[in-house]
Amino acid sequence: MSGFRASLPLLILVGVVVVVIGSGVFLLTAGRGLGQFLFGRTYAEGELRGYVASVLKEELRGSSCQPFDTDNNGYVACDFTLSAQPNVTRSIECAAWGFDGLINRGCRTRLPNFQ
């Protein structure tokens, strides 16, 4: 019985570690999808607005970004128009919401998806 009492704190500690690691894995997988569903489009369009204002030094007229990073490269596809050329639609990739979006900031040229 005294052996069980001595190992009880160890069992509690192991249980807490398992719960913390399991919660972290869940949040990184399911939480990422939920976060992209709720915030993905807004986040990417914010990155696009910043890119157009600071890099292109133009005024954004309209934009549409995908909410999900389907190819897991940290960017989502966006289409936009500028006030100076409202009839010309341009394509670009902007940082996606999530951990990759913290590493990848702003926008970049949209690359073809060769597989």
PDB file of N, CA and C in Angstrom:
ATOM      1  N   MET A   1       0.810  -1.191   0.000  1.00  0.00           N
ATOM      2  CA  MET A   1       0.000   0.000   0.000  1.00  0.00           C
ATOM      3  C   MET A   1       0.855   1.257   0.000  1.00  0.00           C
ATOM      4  N   SER A   2       1.998   1.253   0.700  1.00  0.00           N
ATOM      5  CA  SER A   2       2.840   2.448   0.747  1.00  0.00           C
ATOM      6  C   SER A   2       3.514   2.693  -0.600  1.00  0.00           C
ATOM      7  N   GLY A   3       3.754   1.639  -1.378  1.00  0.00           N
ATOM      8  CA  GLY A   3       4.306   1.787  -2.724  1.00  0.00           C
ATOM      9  C   GLY A   3       3.343   2.500  -3.643  1.00  0.00           C
ATOM     10  N   PHE A   4       2.045   2.216  -3.460  1.00  0.00           N
ATOM     11  CA  PHE A   4       1.015   2.892  -4.264  1.00  0.00           C
ATOM     12  C   PHE A   4       0.953   4.371  -3.921  1.00  0.00           C
ATOM     13  N   ARG A   5       1.063   4.694  -2.613  1.00  0.00           N
ATOM     14  CA  ARG A   5       1.028   6.102  -2.187  1.00  0.00           C
ATOM     15  C   ARG A   5       2.225   6.870  -2.731  1.00  0.00           C
ATOM     16  N   ALA A   6       3.370   6.234  -2.809  1.00  0.00           N
ATOM     17  CA  ALA A   6       4.569   6.902  -3.321  1.00  0.00           C
ATOM     18  C   ALA A   6       4.461   7.136  -4.816  1.00  0.00           C
ATOM     19  N   SER A   7       3.799   6.243  -5.534  1.00  0.00           N
ATOM     20  CA  SER A   7       3.702   6.406  -6.983  1.00  0.00           C
ATOM     21  C   SER A   7       2.497   7.244  -7.407  1.00  0.00           C
ATOM     22  N   LEU A   8       1.597   7.569  -6.494  1.00  0.00           N
ATOM     23  CA  LEU A   8       0.423   8.372  -6.821  1.00  0.00           C
ATOM     24  C   LEU A   8       0.800   9.745  -7.377  1.00  0.00           C
ATOM     25  N   PRO A   9       1.723  10.513  -6.757  1.00  0.00           N
ATOM     26  CA  PRO A   9       2.105  11.811  -7.353  1.00  0.00           C
ATOM     27  C   PRO A   9       2.715  11.655  -8.753  1.00  0.00           C
ATOM     28  N   LEU A  10       3.460  10.580  -8.958  1.00  0.00           N
ATOM     29  CA  LEU A  10       4.041  10.331 -10.272  1.00  0.00           C
ATOM     30  C   LEU A  10       2.961  10.047 -11.302  1.00  0.00           C
ATOM     31  N   LEU A  11       1.947   9.261 -10.925  1.00  0.00           N
ATOM     32  CA  LEU A  11       0.832   8.975 -11.834  1.00  0.00           C
ATOM     33  C   LEU A  11       0.052  10.244 -12.165  1.00  0.00           C
ATOM     34  N   ILE A  12      -0.145  11.097 -11.183  1.00  0.00           N
ATOM     35  CA  ILE A  12      -0.849  12.366 -11.413  1.00  0.00           C
ATOM     36  C   ILE A  12      -0.038  13.241 -12.365  1.00  0.00           C
ATOM     37  N   LEU A  13       1.269  13.301 -12.142  1.00  0.00           N
ATOM     38  CA  LEU A  13       2.142  14.103 -13.014  1.00  0.00           C
ATOM     39  C   LEU A  13       2.118  13.579 -14.450  1.00  0.00           C
ATOM     40  N   VAL A  14       2.189  12.278 -14.619  1.00  0.00           N
ATOM     41  CA  VAL A  14       2.142  11.681 -15.960  1.00  0.00           C
ATOM     42  C   VAL A  14       0.797  11.975 -16.608  1.00  0.00           C
ATOM     43  N   GLY A  15      -0.292  11.881 -15.854  1.00  0.00           N
ATOM     44  CA  GLY A  15      -1.623  12.181 -16.384  1.00  0.00           C
ATOM     45  C   GLY A  15      -1.743  13.625 -16.841  1.00  0.00           C
ATOM     46  N   VAL A  16      -1.193  14.553 -16.055  1.00  0.00           N
ATOM     47  CA  VAL A  16      -1.233  15.972 -16.430  1.00  0.00           C
ATOM     48  C   VAL A  16      -0.426  16.206 -17.697  1.00  0.00           C
ATOM     49  N   VAL A  17       0.744  15.591 -17.803  1.00  0.00           N
ATOM     50  CA  VAL A  17       1.581  15.749 -18.996  1.00  0.00           C
ATOM     51  C   VAL A  17       0.859  15.204 -20.230  1.00  0.00           C
ATOM     52  N   VAL A  18       0.205  14.064 -20.096  1.00  0.00           N
ATOM     53  CA  VAL A  18      -0.524  13.474 -21.222  1.00  0.00           C
ATOM     54  C   VAL A  18      -1.664  14.392 -21.653  1.00  0.00           C
ATOM     55  N   VAL A  19      -2.392  14.961 -20.708  1.00  0.00           N
ATOM     56  CA  VAL A  19      -3.495  15.869 -21.034  1.00  0.00           C
ATOM     57  C   VAL A  19      -2.973  17.136 -21.718  1.00  0.00           C
ATOM     58  N   VAL A  20      -1.886  17.697 -21.219  1.00  0.00           N
ATOM     59  CA  VAL A  20      -1.327  18.921 -21.813  1.00  0.00           C
ATOM     60  C   VAL A  20      -0.843  18.660 -23.239  1.00  0.00           C
ATOM     61  N   ILE A  21      -0.122  17.570 -23.447  1.00  0.00           N
ATOM     62  CA  ILE A  21       0.378  17.251 -24.793  1.00  0.00           C
ATOM     63  C   ILE A  21      -0.788  16.936 -25.724  1.00  0.00           C
ATOM     64  N   GLY A  22      -1.753  16.166 -25.255  1.00  0.00           N
ATOM     65  CA  GLY A  22      -2.917  15.844 -26.080  1.00  0.00           C
ATOM     66  C   GLY A  22      -3.706  17.077 -26.465  1.00  0.00           C
ATOM     67  N   SER A  23      -3.883  18.002 -25.527  1.00  0.00           N
ATOM     68  CA  SER A  23      -4.598  19.256 -25.828  1.00  0.00           C
ATOM     69  C   SER A  23      -3.836  20.084 -26.848  1.00  0.00           C
ATOM     70  N   GLY A  24      -2.519  20.130 -26.710  1.00  0.00           N
ATOM     71  CA  GLY A  24      -1.710  20.890 -27.660  1.00  0.00           C
ATOM     72  C   GLY A  24      -1.803  20.331 -29.070  1.00  0.00           C
ATOM     73  N   VAL A  25      -1.743  19.019 -29.191  1.00  0.00           N
ATOM     74  CA  VAL A  25      -1.864  18.386 -30.514  1.00  0.00           C
ATOM     75  C   VAL A  25      -3.242  18.661 -31.107  1.00  0.00           C
ATOM     76  N   PHE A  26      -4.284  18.570 -30.290  1.00  0.00           N
ATOM     77  CA  PHE A  26      -5.634  18.844 -30.764  1.00  0.00           C
ATOM     78  C   PHE A  26      -5.758  20.284 -31.253  1.00  0.00           C
ATOM     79  N   LEU A  27      -5.231  21.238 -30.485  1.00  0.00           N
ATOM     80  CA  LEU A  27      -5.341  22.637 -30.876  1.00  0.00           C
ATOM     81  C   LEU A  27      -4.559  22.940 -32.145  1.00  0.00           C
ATOM     82  N   LEU A  28      -3.430  22.277 -32.336  1.00  0.00           N
ATOM     83  CA  LEU A  28      -2.645  22.519 -33.543  1.00  0.00           C
ATOM     84  C   LEU A  28      -3.294  21.927 -34.791  1.00  0.00           C
ATOM     85  N   THR A  29      -4.065  20.868 -34.643  1.00  0.00           N
ATOM     86  CA  THR A  29      -4.685  20.247 -35.812  1.00  0.00           C
ATOM     87  C   THR A  29      -6.105  20.755 -36.020  1.00  0.00           C
ATOM     88  N   ALA A  30      -7.002  20.456 -35.115  1.00  0.00           N
ATOM     89  CA  ALA A  30      -8.401  20.884 -35.263  1.00  0.00           C
ATOM     90  C   ALA A  30      -8.528  22.392 -35.101  1.00  0.00           C
ATOM     91  N   GLY A  31      -7.747  22.963 -34.201  1.00  0.00           N
ATOM     92  CA  GLY A  31      -7.808  24.406 -33.974  1.00  0.00           C
ATOM     93  C   GLY A  31      -7.369  25.211 -35.177  1.00  0.00           C
ATOM     94  N   ARG A  32      -6.428  24.678 -35.924  1.00  0.00           N
ATOM     95  CA  ARG A  32      -5.966  25.371 -37.127  1.00  0.00           C
ATOM     96  C   ARG A  32      -7.095  25.470 -38.156  1.00  0.00           C
ATOM     97  N   GLY A  33      -7.785  24.376 -38.380  1.00  0.00           N
ATOM     98  CA  GLY A  33      -8.899  24.382 -39.335  1.00  0.00           C
ATOM     99  C   GLY A  33     -10.018  25.295 -38.891  1.00  0.00           C
ATOM    100  N   LEU A  34     -10.343  25.257 -37.610  1.00  0.00           N
ATOM    101  CA  LEU A  34     -11.394  26.128 -37.080  1.00  0.00           C
ATOM    102  C   LEU A  34     -10.967  27.585 -37.173  1.00  0.00           C
ATOM    103  N   GLY A  35      -9.713  27.862 -36.855  1.00  0.00           N
ATOM    104  CA  GLY A  35      -9.210  29.236 -36.938  1.00  0.00           C
ATOM    105  C   GLY A  35      -9.230  29.765 -38.360  1.00  0.00           C
ATOM    106  N   GLN A  36      -8.844  28.922 -39.318  1.00  0.00           N
ATOM    107  CA  GLN A  36      -8.883  29.353 -40.708  1.00  0.00           C
ATOM    108  C   GLN A  36     -10.311  29.582 -41.156  1.00  0.00           C
ATOM    109  N   PHE A  37     -11.244  28.760 -40.686  1.00  0.00           N
ATOM    110  CA  PHE A  37     -12.650  28.938 -41.030  1.00  0.00           C
ATOM    111  C   PHE A  37     -13.171  30.275 -40.497  1.00  0.00           C
ATOM    112  N   LEU A  38     -12.810  30.614 -39.259  1.00  0.00           N
ATOM    113  CA  LEU A  38     -13.324  31.834 -38.632  1.00  0.00           C
ATOM    114  C   LEU A  38     -12.558  33.094 -39.046  1.00  0.00           C
ATOM    115  N   PHE A  39     -11.227  33.008 -39.151  1.00  0.00           N
ATOM    116  CA  PHE A  39     -10.406  34.196 -39.336  1.00  0.00           C
ATOM    117  C   PHE A  39      -9.585  34.213 -40.619  1.00  0.00           C
ATOM    118  N   GLY A  40      -9.584  33.125 -41.383  1.00  0.00           N
ATOM    119  CA  GLY A  40      -8.675  32.983 -42.527  1.00  0.00           C
ATOM    120  C   GLY A  40      -8.809  34.060 -43.574  1.00  0.00           C
ATOM    121  N   ARG A  41     -10.009  34.306 -44.025  1.00  0.00           N
ATOM    122  CA  ARG A  41     -10.222  35.294 -45.090  1.00  0.00           C
ATOM    123  C   ARG A  41      -9.873  36.702 -44.605  1.00  0.00           C
ATOM    124  N   THR A  42     -10.336  37.068 -43.431  1.00  0.00           N
ATOM    125  CA  THR A  42     -10.083  38.400 -42.879  1.00  0.00           C
ATOM    126  C   THR A  42      -8.592  38.633 -42.675  1.00  0.00           C
ATOM    127  N   TYR A  43      -7.894  37.620 -42.151  1.00  0.00           N
ATOM    128  CA  TYR A  43      -6.463  37.737 -41.919  1.00  0.00           C
ATOM    129  C   TYR A  43      -5.709  37.940 -43.232  1.00  0.00           C
ATOM    130  N   ALA A  44      -5.997  37.127 -44.234  1.00  0.00           N
ATOM    131  CA  ALA A  44      -5.300  37.227 -45.524  1.00  0.00           C
ATOM    132  C   ALA A  44      -5.594  38.556 -46.206  1.00  0.00           C
ATOM    133  N   GLU A  45      -6.840  39.018 -46.142  1.00  0.00           N
ATOM    134  CA  GLU A  45      -7.169  40.305 -46.762  1.00  0.00           C
ATOM    135  C   GLU A  45      -6.499  41.462 -46.035  1.00  0.00           C
ATOM    136  N   GLY A  46      -6.291  41.338 -44.742  1.00  0.00           N
ATOM    137  CA  GLY A  46      -5.522  42.345 -44.007  1.00  0.00           C
ATOM    138  C   GLY A  46      -4.071  42.378 -44.460  1.00  0.00           C
ATOM    139  N   GLU A  47      -3.487  41.192 -44.667  1.00  0.00           N
ATOM    140  CA  GLU A  47      -2.118  41.117 -45.188  1.00  0.00           C
ATOM    141  C   GLU A  47      -2.049  41.728 -46.589  1.00  0.00           C
ATOM    142  N   LEU A  48      -3.076  41.483 -47.402  1.00  0.00           N
ATOM    143  CA  LEU A  48      -3.133  42.040 -48.750  1.00  0.00           C
ATOM    144  C   LEU A  48      -3.212  43.561 -48.718  1.00  0.00           C
ATOM    145  N   ARG A  49      -4.075  44.103 -47.846  1.00  0.00           N
ATOM    146  CA  ARG A  49      -4.183  45.569 -47.732  1.00  0.00           C
ATOM    147  C   ARG A  49      -2.847  46.193 -47.362  1.00  0.00           C
ATOM    148  N   GLY A  50      -2.157  45.584 -46.406  1.00  0.00           N
ATOM    149  CA  GLY A  50      -0.845  46.091 -46.003  1.00  0.00           C
ATOM    150  C   GLY A  50       0.168  46.019 -47.125  1.00  0.00           C
ATOM    151  N   TYR A  51       0.150  44.931 -47.881  1.00  0.00           N
ATOM    152  CA  TYR A  51       1.071  44.757 -49.001  1.00  0.00           C
ATOM    153  C   TYR A  51       0.820  45.801 -50.083  1.00  0.00           C
ATOM    154  N   VAL A  52      -0.427  45.990 -50.457  1.00  0.00           N
ATOM    155  CA  VAL A  52      -0.765  46.944 -51.514  1.00  0.00           C
ATOM    156  C   VAL A  52      -0.385  48.363 -51.092  1.00  0.00           C
ATOM    157  N   ALA A  53      -0.638  48.711 -49.846  1.00  0.00           N
ATOM    158  CA  ALA A  53      -0.335  50.066 -49.370  1.00  0.00           C
ATOM    159  C   ALA A  53       1.166  50.304 -49.249  1.00  0.00           C
ATOM    160  N   SER A  54       1.907  49.332 -48.719  1.00  0.00           N
ATOM    161  CA  SER A  54       3.326  49.576 -48.462  1.00  0.00           C
ATOM    162  C   SER A  54       4.239  49.225 -49.636  1.00  0.00           C
ATOM    163  N   VAL A  55       3.952  48.147 -50.347  1.00  0.00           N
ATOM    164  CA  VAL A  55       4.842  47.714 -51.431  1.00  0.00           C
ATOM    165  C   VAL A  55       4.435  48.329 -52.767  1.00  0.00           C
ATOM    166  N   LEU A  56       3.169  48.191 -53.125  1.00  0.00           N
ATOM    167  CA  LEU A  56       2.709  48.717 -54.416  1.00  0.00           C
ATOM    168  C   LEU A  56       2.398  50.207 -54.363  1.00  0.00           C
ATOM    169  N   LYS A  57       2.200  50.733 -53.155  1.00  0.00           N
ATOM    170  CA  LYS A  57       1.866  52.145 -52.945  1.00  0.00           C
ATOM    171  C   LYS A  57       0.658  52.562 -53.783  1.00  0.00           C
ATOM    172  N   GLU A  58      -0.353  51.690 -53.747  1.00  0.00           N
ATOM    173  CA  GLU A  58      -1.604  51.893 -54.478  1.00  0.00           C
ATOM    174  C   GLU A  58      -2.764  51.803 -53.504  1.00  0.00           C
ATOM    175  N   GLU A  59      -3.954  52.128 -54.004  1.00  0.00           N
ATOM    176  CA  GLU A  59      -5.162  52.003 -53.209  1.00  0.00           C
ATOM    177  C   GLU A  59      -5.922  50.766 -53.667  1.00  0.00           C
ATOM    178  N   LEU A  60      -6.242  49.900 -52.719  1.00  0.00           N
ATOM    179  CA  LEU A  60      -6.963  48.672 -53.010  1.00  0.00           C
ATOM    180  C   LEU A  60      -8.425  48.998 -53.271  1.00  0.00           C
ATOM    181  N   ARG A  61      -8.957  48.482 -54.374  1.00  0.00           N
ATOM    182  CA  ARG A  61     -10.371  48.735 -54.709  1.00  0.00           C
ATOM    183  C   ARG A  61     -11.249  47.568 -54.275  1.00  0.00           C
ATOM    184  N   GLY A  62     -10.823  46.348 -54.563  1.00  0.00           N
ATOM    185  CA  GLY A  62     -11.577  45.162 -54.191  1.00  0.00           C
ATOM    186  C   GLY A  62     -10.641  43.990 -53.986  1.00  0.00           C
ATOM    187  N   SER A  63     -11.050  43.062 -53.135  1.00  0.00           N
ATOM    188  CA  SER A  63     -10.201  41.896 -52.886  1.00  0.00           C
ATOM    189  C   SER A  63     -11.044  40.700 -52.499  1.00  0.00           C
ATOM    190  N   SER A  64     -10.494  39.524 -52.751  1.00  0.00           N
ATOM    191  CA  SER A  64     -11.137  38.275 -52.371  1.00  0.00           C
ATOM    192  C   SER A  64     -10.041  37.250 -52.122  1.00  0.00           C
ATOM    193  N   CYS A  65      -9.962  36.752 -50.882  1.00  0.00           N
ATOM    194  CA  CYS A  65      -8.950  35.755 -50.522  1.00  0.00           C
ATOM    195  C   CYS A  65      -9.622  34.466 -50.077  1.00  0.00           C
ATOM    196  N   GLN A  66      -8.950  33.363 -50.324  1.00  0.00           N
ATOM    197  CA  GLN A  66      -9.426  32.065 -49.857  1.00  0.00           C
ATOM    198  C   GLN A  66      -9.193  31.973 -48.346  1.00  0.00           C
ATOM    199  N   PRO A  67     -10.093  31.342 -47.608  1.00  0.00           N
ATOM    200  CA  PRO A  67      -9.878  31.232 -46.161  1.00  0.00           C
ATOM    201  C   PRO A  67      -8.943  30.103 -45.762  1.00  0.00           C
ATOM    202  N   PHE A  68      -8.788  29.068 -46.603  1.00  0.00           N
ATOM    203  CA  PHE A  68      -8.029  27.880 -46.224  1.00  0.00           C
ATOM    204  C   PHE A  68      -6.749  27.737 -47.024  1.00  0.00           C
ATOM    205  N   ASP A  69      -5.688  27.354 -46.344  1.00  0.00           N
ATOM    206  CA  ASP A  69      -4.407  27.042 -46.973  1.00  0.00           C
ATOM    207  C   ASP A  69      -4.435  25.567 -47.368  1.00  0.00           C
ATOM    208  N   THR A  70      -4.907  25.278 -48.570  1.00  0.00           N
ATOM    209  CA  THR A  70      -5.132  23.893 -48.984  1.00  0.00           C
ATOM    210  C   THR A  70      -3.847  23.135 -49.320  1.00  0.00           C
ATOM    211  N   ASP A  71      -2.785  23.844 -49.707  1.00  0.00           N
ATOM    212  CA  ASP A  71      -1.543  23.146 -50.041  1.00  0.00           C
ATOM    213  C   ASP A  71      -0.497  23.245 -48.930  1.00  0.00           C
ATOM    214  N   ASN A  72      -0.883  23.779 -47.774  1.00  0.00           N
ATOM    215  CA  ASN A  72      -0.026  23.847 -46.573  1.00  0.00           C
ATOM    216  C   ASN A  72       1.316  24.528 -46.822  1.00  0.00           C
ATOM    217  N   ASN A  73       1.301  25.613 -47.593  1.00  0.00           N
ATOM    218  CA  ASN A  73       2.541  26.358 -47.800  1.00  0.00           C
ATOM    219  C   ASN A  73       2.567  27.661 -46.992  1.00  0.00           C
ATOM    220  N   GLY A  74       1.533  27.903 -46.191  1.00  0.00           N
ATOM    221  CA  GLY A  74       1.492  29.101 -45.360  1.00  0.00           C
ATOM    222  C   GLY A  74       0.884  30.308 -46.042  1.00  0.00           C
ATOM    223  N   TYR A  75       0.410  30.135 -47.268  1.00  0.00           N
ATOM    224  CA  TYR A  75      -0.197  31.230 -48.026  1.00  0.00           C
ATOM    225  C   TYR A  75      -1.528  30.792 -48.616  1.00  0.00           C
ATOM    226  N   VAL A  76      -2.410  31.759 -48.846  1.00  0.00           N
ATOM    227  CA  VAL A  76      -3.674  31.501 -49.543  1.00  0.00           C
ATOM    228  C   VAL A  76      -3.740  32.380 -50.782  1.00  0.00           C
ATOM    229  N   ALA A  77      -4.519  31.949 -51.762  1.00  0.00           N
ATOM    230  CA  ALA A  77      -4.671  32.684 -53.014  1.00  0.00           C
ATOM    231  C   ALA A  77      -5.608  33.877 -52.811  1.00  0.00           C
ATOM    232  N   CYS A  78      -5.217  35.017 -53.381  1.00  0.00           N
ATOM    233  CA  CYS A  78      -6.038  36.227 -53.335  1.00  0.00           C
ATOM    234  C   CYS A  78      -6.102  36.853 -54.729  1.00  0.00           C
ATOM    235  N   ASP A  79      -7.237  37.409 -55.053  1.00  0.00           N
ATOM    236  CA  ASP A  79      -7.420  38.207 -56.263  1.00  0.00           C
ATOM    237  C   ASP A  79      -7.794  39.611 -55.815  1.00  0.00           C
ATOM    238  N   PHE A  80      -7.279  40.620 -56.538  1.00  0.00           N
ATOM    239  CA  PHE A  80      -7.574  41.991 -56.134  1.00  0.00           C
ATOM    240  C   PHE A  80      -7.547  42.930 -57.323  1.00  0.00           C
ATOM    241  N   THR A  81      -8.166  44.086 -57.137  1.00  0.00           N
ATOM    242  CA  THR A  81      -8.107  45.165 -58.129  1.00  0.00           C
ATOM    243  C   THR A  81      -7.647  46.425 -57.426  1.00  0.00           C
ATOM    244  N   LEU A  82      -7.035  47.301 -58.208  1.00  0.00           N
ATOM    245  CA  LEU A  82      -6.548  48.583 -57.697  1.00  0.00           C
ATOM    246  C   LEU A  82      -7.435  49.704 -58.201  1.00  0.00           C
ATOM    247  N   SER A  83      -7.489  50.790 -57.460  1.00  0.00           N
ATOM    248  CA  SER A  83      -8.309  51.929 -57.870  1.00  0.00           C
ATOM    249  C   SER A  83      -7.827  52.524 -59.189  1.00  0.00           C
ATOM    250  N   ALA A  84      -6.513  52.476 -59.430  1.00  0.00           N
ATOM    251  CA  ALA A  84      -5.961  53.047 -60.655  1.00  0.00           C
ATOM    252  C   ALA A  84      -6.340  52.227 -61.889  1.00  0.00           C
ATOM    253  N   GLN A  85      -6.534  50.923 -61.731  1.00  0.00           N
ATOM    254  CA  GLN A  85      -6.903  50.034 -62.833  1.00  0.00           C
ATOM    255  C   GLN A  85      -8.005  49.082 -62.367  1.00  0.00           C
ATOM    256  N   PRO A  86      -9.233  49.576 -62.266  1.00  0.00           N
ATOM    257  CA  PRO A  86     -10.310  48.758 -61.696  1.00  0.00           C
ATOM    258  C   PRO A  86     -10.737  47.570 -62.560  1.00  0.00           C
ATOM    259  N   ASN A  87     -10.389  47.550 -63.835  1.00  0.00           N
ATOM    260  CA  ASN A  87     -10.794  46.455 -64.718  1.00  0.00           C
ATOM    261  C   ASN A  87      -9.738  45.358 -64.833  1.00  0.00           C
ATOM    262  N   VAL A  88      -8.603  45.512 -64.138  1.00  0.00           N
ATOM    263  CA  VAL A  88      -7.522  44.527 -64.199  1.00  0.00           C
ATOM    264  C   VAL A  88      -7.489  43.760 -62.883  1.00  0.00           C
ATOM    265  N   THR A  89      -7.798  42.470 -62.949  1.00  0.00           N
ATOM    266  CA  THR A  89      -7.751  41.626 -61.757  1.00  0.00           C
ATOM    267  C   THR A  89      -6.374  40.999 -61.658  1.00  0.00           C
ATOM    268  N   ARG A  90      -5.772  41.095 -60.491  1.00  0.00           N
ATOM    269  CA  ARG A  90      -4.436  40.549 -60.254  1.00  0.00           C
ATOM    270  C   ARG A  90      -4.537  39.406 -59.251  1.00  0.00           C
ATOM    271  N   SER A  91      -3.618  38.465 -59.346  1.00  0.00           N
ATOM    272  CA  SER A  91      -3.575  37.326 -58.425  1.00  0.00           C
ATOM    273  C   SER A  91      -2.281  37.361 -57.628  1.00  0.00           C
ATOM    274  N   ILE A  92      -2.375  36.965 -56.375  1.00  0.00           N
ATOM    275  CA  ILE A  92      -1.227  36.967 -55.480  1.00  0.00           C
ATOM    276  C   ILE A  92      -1.501  35.961 -54.370  1.00  0.00           C
ATOM    277  N   GLU A  93      -0.488  35.587 -53.611  1.00  0.00           N
ATOM    278  CA  GLU A  93      -0.659  34.744 -52.427  1.00  0.00           C
ATOM    279  C   GLU A  93      -0.311  35.563 -51.198  1.00  0.00           C
ATOM    280  N   CYS A  94      -1.160  35.487 -50.170  1.00  0.00           N
ATOM    281  CA  CYS A  94      -0.926  36.220 -48.928  1.00  0.00           C
ATOM    282  C   CYS A  94      -0.889  35.251 -47.759  1.00  0.00           C
ATOM    283  N   ALA A  95      -0.219  35.665 -46.691  1.00  0.00           N
ATOM    284  CA  ALA A  95      -0.031  34.812 -45.517  1.00  0.00           C
ATOM    285  C   ALA A  95      -1.359  34.294 -44.987  1.00  0.00           C
ATOM    286  N   ALA A  96      -1.369  33.022 -44.630  1.00  0.00           N
ATOM    287  CA  ALA A  96      -2.562  32.366 -44.107  1.00  0.00           C
ATOM    288  C   ALA A  96      -2.622  32.514 -42.594  1.00  0.00           C
ATOM    289  N   TRP A  97      -3.835  32.422 -42.048  1.00  0.00           N
ATOM    290  CA  TRP A  97      -3.997  32.459 -40.608  1.00  0.00           C
ATOM    291  C   TRP A  97      -3.460  31.178 -40.012  1.00  0.00           C
ATOM    292  N   GLY A  98      -2.791  31.275 -38.901  1.00  0.00           N
ATOM    293  CA  GLY A  98      -2.261  30.101 -38.217  1.00  0.00           C
ATOM    294  C   GLY A  98      -0.783  30.269 -37.950  1.00  0.00           C
ATOM    295  N   PHE A  99      -0.143  29.202 -37.506  1.00  0.00           N
ATOM    296  CA  PHE A  99       1.269  29.251 -37.165  1.00  0.00           C
ATOM    297  C   PHE A  99       2.117  29.646 -38.366  1.00  0.00           C
ATOM    298  N   ASP A 100       1.795  29.117 -39.543  1.00  0.00           N
ATOM    299  CA  ASP A 100       2.539  29.478 -40.752  1.00  0.00           C
ATOM    300  C   ASP A 100       2.387  30.957 -41.067  1.00  0.00           C
ATOM    301  N   GLY A 101       1.234  31.517 -40.767  1.00  0.00           N
ATOM    302  CA  GLY A 101       1.001  32.940 -41.004  1.00  0.00           C
ATOM    303  C   GLY A 101       1.819  33.830 -40.102  1.00  0.00           C
ATOM    304  N   LEU A 102       2.239  33.312 -38.958  1.00  0.00           N
ATOM    305  CA  LEU A 102       3.122  34.087 -38.088  1.00  0.00           C
ATOM    306  C   LEU A 102       4.539  34.119 -38.654  1.00  0.00           C
ATOM    307  N   ILE A 103       4.917  33.059 -39.336  1.00  0.00           N
ATOM    308  CA  ILE A 103       6.246  33.001 -39.951  1.00  0.00           C
ATOM    309  C   ILE A 103       6.218  33.730 -41.295  1.00  0.00           C
ATOM    310  N   ASN A 104       5.230  33.433 -42.110  1.00  0.00           N
ATOM    311  CA  ASN A 104       5.075  34.074 -43.417  1.00  0.00           C
ATOM    312  C   ASN A 104       4.236  35.326 -43.231  1.00  0.00           C
ATOM    313  N   ARG A 105       4.768  36.454 -43.579  1.00  0.00           N
ATOM    314  CA  ARG A 105       4.039  37.704 -43.452  1.00  0.00           C
ATOM    315  C   ARG A 105       3.903  38.332 -44.832  1.00  0.00           C
ATOM    316  N   GLY A 106       2.862  39.116 -45.021  1.00  0.00           N
ATOM    317  CA  GLY A 106       2.687  39.831 -46.272  1.00  0.00           C
ATOM    318  C   GLY A 106       2.210  38.941 -47.402  1.00  0.00           C
ATOM    319  N   CYS A 107       2.622  39.296 -48.607  1.00  0.00           N
ATOM    320  CA  CYS A 107       2.176  38.573 -49.804  1.00  0.00           C
ATOM    321  C   CYS A 107       3.368  38.285 -50.705  1.00  0.00           C
ATOM    322  N   ARG A 108       3.155  37.388 -51.643  1.00  0.00           N
ATOM    323  CA  ARG A 108       4.191  37.028 -52.614  1.00  0.00           C
ATOM    324  C   ARG A 108       3.521  36.683 -53.936  1.00  0.00           C
ATOM    325  N   THR A 109       4.316  36.614 -54.984  1.00  0.00           N
ATOM    326  CA  THR A 109       3.805  36.258 -56.300  1.00  0.00           C
ATOM    327  C   THR A 109       3.189  34.869 -56.253  1.00  0.00           C
ATOM    328  N   ARG A 110       2.067  34.719 -56.895  1.00  0.00           N
ATOM    329  CA  ARG A 110       1.367  33.441 -56.893  1.00  0.00           C
ATOM    330  C   ARG A 110       2.113  32.477 -57.803  1.00  0.00           C
ATOM    331  N   LEU A 111       2.531  31.352 -57.233  1.00  0.00           N
ATOM    332  CA  LEU A 111       3.308  30.366 -57.968  1.00  0.00           C
ATOM    333  C   LEU A 111       2.395  29.263 -58.493  1.00  0.00           C
ATOM    334  N   PRO A 112       2.656  28.747 -59.683  1.00  0.00           N
ATOM    335  CA  PRO A 112       1.845  27.628 -60.183  1.00  0.00           C
ATOM    336  C   PRO A 112       2.076  26.392 -59.342  1.00  0.00           C
ATOM    337  N   ASN A 113       1.071  25.546 -59.248  1.00  0.00           N
ATOM    338  CA  ASN A 113       1.159  24.348 -58.430  1.00  0.00           C
ATOM    339  C   ASN A 113       1.496  23.155 -59.315  1.00  0.00           C
ATOM    340  N   PHE A 114       2.800  22.932 -59.529  1.00  0.00           N
ATOM    341  CA  PHE A 114       3.249  21.790 -60.336  1.00  0.00           C
ATOM    342  C   PHE A 114       3.389  20.590 -59.426  1.00  0.00           C
ATOM    343  N   GLN A 115       2.806  19.466 -59.824  1.00  0.00           N
ATOM    344  CA  GLN A 115       2.941  18.246 -59.016  1.00  0.00           C
ATOM    345  C   GLN A 115       3.375  17.098 -59.858  1.00  0.00           C
TER     346      GLN A 115
END
